[in-house]
Amino acid sequence: MRASKGDHLVVEGRTVSLHRREAEVLEVRGEDGGPPYLVRWEDGHESLAFPGPDAHVVPAGS
């Protein structure tokens, strides 16, 4: 997985109780665009994200 500042990280819900979440990538801390990512979630919360197999990156402007 590769991301750049301004891209969106999308985590798909795997069960009915877990909904789809989306965050803006604020900073890439891994090498060559890899995780971890500092992100801002839709609710304004910022956290360090280590995306799993249920996540994908949507490039900025898409």
N, C-alpha and C. Protein backbone atom coordinates (compact mmCIF):
# COMPACT_ATOMS: atom_id res chain seq x y z
N MET A 1 0.85 -1.17 0.00
CA MET A 1 0.00 0.00 0.00
C MET A 1 0.90 1.23 0.00
N ARG A 2 0.54 2.18 -0.85
CA ARG A 2 1.27 3.45 -0.94
C ARG A 2 0.29 4.60 -0.87
N ALA A 3 0.68 5.67 -0.19
CA ALA A 3 -0.17 6.86 -0.09
C ALA A 3 0.70 8.10 -0.10
N SER A 4 0.06 9.22 -0.36
CA SER A 4 0.69 10.53 -0.31
C SER A 4 -0.18 11.45 0.52
N LYS A 5 0.41 12.53 1.01
CA LYS A 5 -0.35 13.52 1.75
C LYS A 5 -1.52 13.99 0.90
N GLY A 6 -2.73 14.04 1.49
CA GLY A 6 -3.93 14.47 0.78
C GLY A 6 -4.77 13.32 0.24
N ASP A 7 -4.18 12.12 0.12
CA ASP A 7 -4.96 10.95 -0.29
C ASP A 7 -5.96 10.59 0.80
N HIS A 8 -6.87 9.68 0.48
CA HIS A 8 -7.84 9.21 1.47
C HIS A 8 -7.62 7.73 1.72
N LEU A 9 -7.64 7.39 3.00
CA LEU A 9 -7.56 6.01 3.43
C LEU A 9 -8.97 5.55 3.71
N VAL A 10 -9.40 4.48 3.05
CA VAL A 10 -10.75 3.94 3.22
C VAL A 10 -10.63 2.56 3.84
N VAL A 11 -11.33 2.37 4.96
CA VAL A 11 -11.37 1.08 5.64
C VAL A 11 -12.79 0.55 5.52
N GLU A 12 -12.94 -0.54 4.81
CA GLU A 12 -14.25 -1.15 4.58
C GLU A 12 -14.68 -1.93 5.81
N GLY A 13 -15.95 -1.81 6.19
CA GLY A 13 -16.48 -2.59 7.30
C GLY A 13 -16.59 -4.05 6.91
N ARG A 14 -16.16 -4.93 7.81
CA ARG A 14 -16.20 -6.36 7.50
C ARG A 14 -17.43 -7.06 8.03
N THR A 15 -18.17 -6.38 8.90
CA THR A 15 -19.39 -6.95 9.45
C THR A 15 -20.47 -5.88 9.42
N VAL A 16 -21.69 -6.28 9.73
CA VAL A 16 -22.81 -5.34 9.75
C VAL A 16 -22.60 -4.24 10.79
N SER A 17 -21.99 -4.58 11.91
CA SER A 17 -21.80 -3.61 12.99
C SER A 17 -20.63 -2.64 12.74
N LEU A 18 -19.76 -2.99 11.81
CA LEU A 18 -18.63 -2.11 11.47
C LEU A 18 -18.90 -1.44 10.14
N HIS A 19 -18.99 -0.12 10.15
CA HIS A 19 -19.27 0.60 8.92
C HIS A 19 -17.98 1.07 8.25
N ARG A 20 -18.11 1.49 7.02
CA ARG A 20 -16.99 2.01 6.24
C ARG A 20 -16.50 3.31 6.87
N ARG A 21 -15.18 3.45 6.99
CA ARG A 21 -14.59 4.66 7.56
C ARG A 21 -13.62 5.25 6.54
N GLU A 22 -13.50 6.57 6.56
CA GLU A 22 -12.61 7.25 5.64
C GLU A 22 -11.82 8.31 6.38
N ALA A 23 -10.55 8.47 6.00
CA ALA A 23 -9.68 9.46 6.64
C ALA A 23 -8.78 10.11 5.60
N GLU A 24 -8.42 11.34 5.85
CA GLU A 24 -7.46 12.04 4.99
C GLU A 24 -6.05 11.77 5.52
N VAL A 25 -5.14 11.46 4.62
CA VAL A 25 -3.75 11.23 4.99
C VAL A 25 -3.09 12.60 5.20
N LEU A 26 -2.63 12.85 6.42
CA LEU A 26 -1.97 14.11 6.76
C LEU A 26 -0.46 14.02 6.63
N GLU A 27 0.06 12.82 6.88
CA GLU A 27 1.50 12.62 6.86
C GLU A 27 1.80 11.14 6.62
N VAL A 28 2.80 10.88 5.79
CA VAL A 28 3.25 9.51 5.54
C VAL A 28 4.54 9.31 6.33
N ARG A 29 4.57 8.32 7.20
CA ARG A 29 5.74 8.10 8.06
C ARG A 29 6.57 6.90 7.65
N GLY A 30 6.05 6.09 6.73
CA GLY A 30 6.80 4.93 6.27
C GLY A 30 7.66 5.29 5.06
N GLU A 31 8.48 4.35 4.65
CA GLU A 31 9.34 4.54 3.48
C GLU A 31 8.55 4.39 2.19
N ASP A 32 8.88 5.19 1.19
CA ASP A 32 8.29 5.08 -0.15
C ASP A 32 6.77 5.11 -0.15
N GLY A 33 6.17 5.91 0.72
CA GLY A 33 4.71 6.03 0.75
C GLY A 33 3.99 4.97 1.53
N GLY A 34 4.75 4.12 2.22
CA GLY A 34 4.14 3.04 2.99
C GLY A 34 3.70 3.49 4.38
N PRO A 35 2.89 2.67 5.05
CA PRO A 35 2.43 2.99 6.39
C PRO A 35 3.59 2.97 7.39
N PRO A 36 3.38 3.58 8.55
CA PRO A 36 2.13 4.13 9.08
C PRO A 36 1.82 5.51 8.52
N TYR A 37 0.54 5.88 8.66
CA TYR A 37 0.05 7.18 8.19
C TYR A 37 -0.58 7.93 9.35
N LEU A 38 -0.30 9.22 9.42
CA LEU A 38 -1.03 10.08 10.34
C LEU A 38 -2.27 10.52 9.56
N VAL A 39 -3.45 10.24 10.10
CA VAL A 39 -4.70 10.52 9.38
C VAL A 39 -5.68 11.31 10.23
N ARG A 40 -6.61 11.98 9.55
CA ARG A 40 -7.73 12.66 10.21
C ARG A 40 -9.01 11.98 9.75
N TRP A 41 -9.70 11.34 10.69
CA TRP A 41 -10.94 10.63 10.38
C TRP A 41 -12.08 11.61 10.16
N GLU A 42 -13.17 11.13 9.64
CA GLU A 42 -14.34 11.97 9.32
C GLU A 42 -14.87 12.75 10.52
N ASP A 43 -14.70 12.20 11.71
CA ASP A 43 -15.19 12.88 12.91
C ASP A 43 -14.20 13.90 13.47
N GLY A 44 -13.06 14.09 12.79
CA GLY A 44 -12.07 15.07 13.19
C GLY A 44 -10.95 14.50 14.05
N HIS A 45 -11.10 13.25 14.49
CA HIS A 45 -10.10 12.59 15.31
C HIS A 45 -8.86 12.29 14.47
N GLU A 46 -7.67 12.56 15.00
CA GLU A 46 -6.43 12.23 14.32
C GLU A 46 -5.76 11.06 15.01
N SER A 47 -5.19 10.16 14.21
CA SER A 47 -4.51 9.01 14.78
C SER A 47 -3.47 8.48 13.80
N LEU A 48 -2.62 7.61 14.30
CA LEU A 48 -1.64 6.93 13.48
C LEU A 48 -2.29 5.64 12.99
N ALA A 49 -2.30 5.43 11.68
CA ALA A 49 -2.99 4.27 11.11
C ALA A 49 -1.99 3.28 10.51
N PHE A 50 -2.21 2.02 10.83
CA PHE A 50 -1.48 0.90 10.27
C PHE A 50 -2.50 0.06 9.52
N PRO A 51 -2.83 0.41 8.27
CA PRO A 51 -3.94 -0.23 7.56
C PRO A 51 -3.75 -1.73 7.36
N GLY A 52 -4.87 -2.44 7.46
CA GLY A 52 -4.89 -3.88 7.24
C GLY A 52 -5.40 -4.21 5.84
N PRO A 53 -5.71 -5.48 5.61
CA PRO A 53 -6.16 -5.93 4.29
C PRO A 53 -7.53 -5.41 3.88
N ASP A 54 -8.29 -4.86 4.83
CA ASP A 54 -9.61 -4.33 4.52
C ASP A 54 -9.57 -2.84 4.15
N ALA A 55 -8.36 -2.30 3.94
CA ALA A 55 -8.20 -0.88 3.63
C ALA A 55 -7.61 -0.68 2.24
N HIS A 56 -7.91 0.48 1.66
CA HIS A 56 -7.29 0.87 0.39
C HIS A 56 -7.16 2.39 0.35
N VAL A 57 -6.31 2.87 -0.55
CA VAL A 57 -6.03 4.29 -0.67
C VAL A 57 -6.72 4.83 -1.92
N VAL A 58 -7.38 5.97 -1.79
CA VAL A 58 -7.97 6.67 -2.92
C VAL A 58 -7.14 7.94 -3.13
N PRO A 59 -6.50 8.06 -4.30
CA PRO A 59 -5.66 9.22 -4.55
C PRO A 59 -6.43 10.53 -4.46
N ALA A 60 -5.76 11.59 -4.02
CA ALA A 60 -6.38 12.91 -3.93
C ALA A 60 -6.92 13.32 -5.29
N GLY A 61 -8.10 13.93 -5.29
CA GLY A 61 -8.70 14.39 -6.53
C GLY A 61 -9.50 13.35 -7.28
N SER A 62 -9.59 12.15 -6.73
CA SER A 62 -10.35 11.08 -7.41
C SER A 62 -11.79 11.08 -6.99
